[in-house]
Amino acid sequence: MPVDLGVKLLFDLGEILLAATLLNFLARILKQPPLLAYIVAGIFIGPLGIGSLGMSFQGIPLGVTTTEEILILSELGVAFLLFSVGIESDFSKLSQLGKLVAIGSVLQVALTAFLVFVFNSVFGLLSFEQSVYLGLIVAFSSTTIVVKLLSDSYQINTLHGRLMIGFLLVQDVLVILALPLLGNISNLFTLSLIAPLIIQVLVLLAFAFVLNKYVYPKVFGFASHSDELFFLSALSSVFIFIFISYIMGFSIAVGAFIAGVTLSTLPYSTEVMHKIRGVRDFLATIFFVTLGIQITLSFASFPLGLALFIAALVFIFKPAIFYLITLLNGYGGRVSVVVALGLAQISEFSFIIASQGKAILEQTPGLYSFVILITAVSMALTPYLMSYSNAIYGALDLFVRRFAPSAKKSVLLHARISELEAVPQGLKNHILIFGGGLVGSGIASVLHGKHNLIVIDNDSEVVWGNLQKGIKSVYGSADNEELWRKLNIEKAEVLVIAIPRAKDAFSLVEYAKKVNPEIPVFARARYFKDSRTLYEKGADFVIMPHVIGSNVFVQKIAEYLRTGNINNIRNYQTEFMSYLEERAKEERPALFS
């Protein structure tokens, strides 16, 4: 009895979601990144897992293969991921980073692709077309993965966060230009191909500008009065550009990305992002699970030398290029290491490039499957590489000090970053405030001028702003042991930890109490378990701002219900409004909301 294709698709989707859910639970228990869980889920239900057992349920084969329908949903997952990246992008920030991200991104992509050509010219394992595809596949890094990791760790507005996102945004533009060119690779460098492409891109951008300037403000302004209409308008805006991109011969992911950028400057962009998040996460899960499904054993016969070269290109050569570009532009060794490790993966756009050139890549048996494998592995390893960036920096710094002391002095201590990282000498009887955000800056503004204090923050703009106000500030993070020693914690009067992620402060509290047992430690936490841990580590006072705020909120409501007098509560309004107006002037737009 033939299997109904609709029923089979339903079963496939069910298997994908069940496997993704179960593996996500397991990953959370083991404290592993969800991305790794999704890829493993794909392997589990794919040809290497359940699919190899030949089991069925009422005539329907169990296990998922990459059918056309699944691949379409997977491609939509990439499209919605890039729509969310586009809607959260602010290209105006690129100008603040000067020529570094523009020239650096082009140089990095060119050098990475060039290394593939050099390797192939020496060993001759690939055709010219395969070299072009492979060079571009490994050259680009994942905007989606990096943005998610930076957002989850509250590092979007750090110096390394801005640099990474700047590099990635330029790479995204390069991909938009590269994908149509790869569609006719035999005439890659001919003017007859490039000129129409440039015209098409300009037409698409002009259309986006018109919608952004004259149409979308009115459409979304009207739709904002209805949740359902607003949601449908947001989805329609994605598919408008998907359809146009398809007609023009572009990837639908390119259209979705431009759709997001078109909406990014509207006052409704945050609400749009909120509305489509569920659809995006559903489709993105299918995409990442599909990556795992496509991993097969066909790469077993793949040339070992070529496999090692591709792996080295992704995990060694490409990070080294980013490291040197960032370092030589004066951003210091620590920032350069974090940028390099954070970009040591292959992009979701590369998955589209690989799919587009599948027939060409498969001319070498196992190459396409290995590209999918290395893409999945590189994405899964990124959280670990970033989490060990401090240890890797320490080892690299020790190597440079030992074997290249002159380079350490002339390059790693470039004036641009050293000014931000400069710690005042001879600190004693000082107050240390880790975190210069809303809580930390409020504390600093009250104590400044009355006490000897220093603010430590990993947002370079916060540090610059404080320095301009005359507040001693240092660029750094709460988990930087080298910085702890420079700050003379053993001679400090008070330690204040006002960073949003309490977990980053656990080791700091232990260190402070070890070198200065009598130092009072005031800390901030969001979760009850983190508050408990901070107390166990030695903190003297831990505040949970949202709990305090909730308690005050309840008290004011109870006071009104008890007295029936709203005027006593309104007495706070004038003073608070003045405070809000003052703080609103200091606010700066974030790169990602």
Foldseek 3Di string as FASTA:
>chain_A
DDDDPVVLVVLQLVQLVVQLVVLQVVCVVVVADSLLSLLVSLLCQACNHQVVVQDADPPHTGGDAPDVVLVVLLLVLLQLLLLLVLLLFDCVLLVVVPCLLQVLLVVQLVVQLVVLVVVCVVVVPADPLLSNLLSNQLSAFAPSLLVVLCVVVVNCQFPLNSSLNSNNVNNLVVLQLVQQLNLCVVCNPDPVRNVVSVVLVVVLLVVLQCCLPPNVQVLLVVQVVDLVSNLVVLVVLLVVQLVSCVVVVTRSSNSSNSSSNSNNPHPCSVVSCVSCVVVNVSSNSSNSSNLSNLQDCQCVPPDPVVLVVSLCSLQPVSLVSQLCSCQQVPQALLSSLLSSLLRSAGYPSSVVSLVSCVVSQCVRTNRSNSSSVRRSVRSSCSVVSNVCSLVVSVVVVVVCVVPPVVCCVPGRCGPVNVVQAPDDPPDAQEEEEEDCPPVRVVVCVVCPPPTHYEYEYSRSVSSVVCVVVVHHYHHDHLQNPVSLVRNPLLRYQEYEYEDADLVSNLVVLLVSCVSHVPHAYEYEYQDPVSVVSSVVSPHPYYDHVVVVVVVVVVVLVVVCVVPVDCVVVCVVVVVVVVVVVVVVVVDDDRSGD
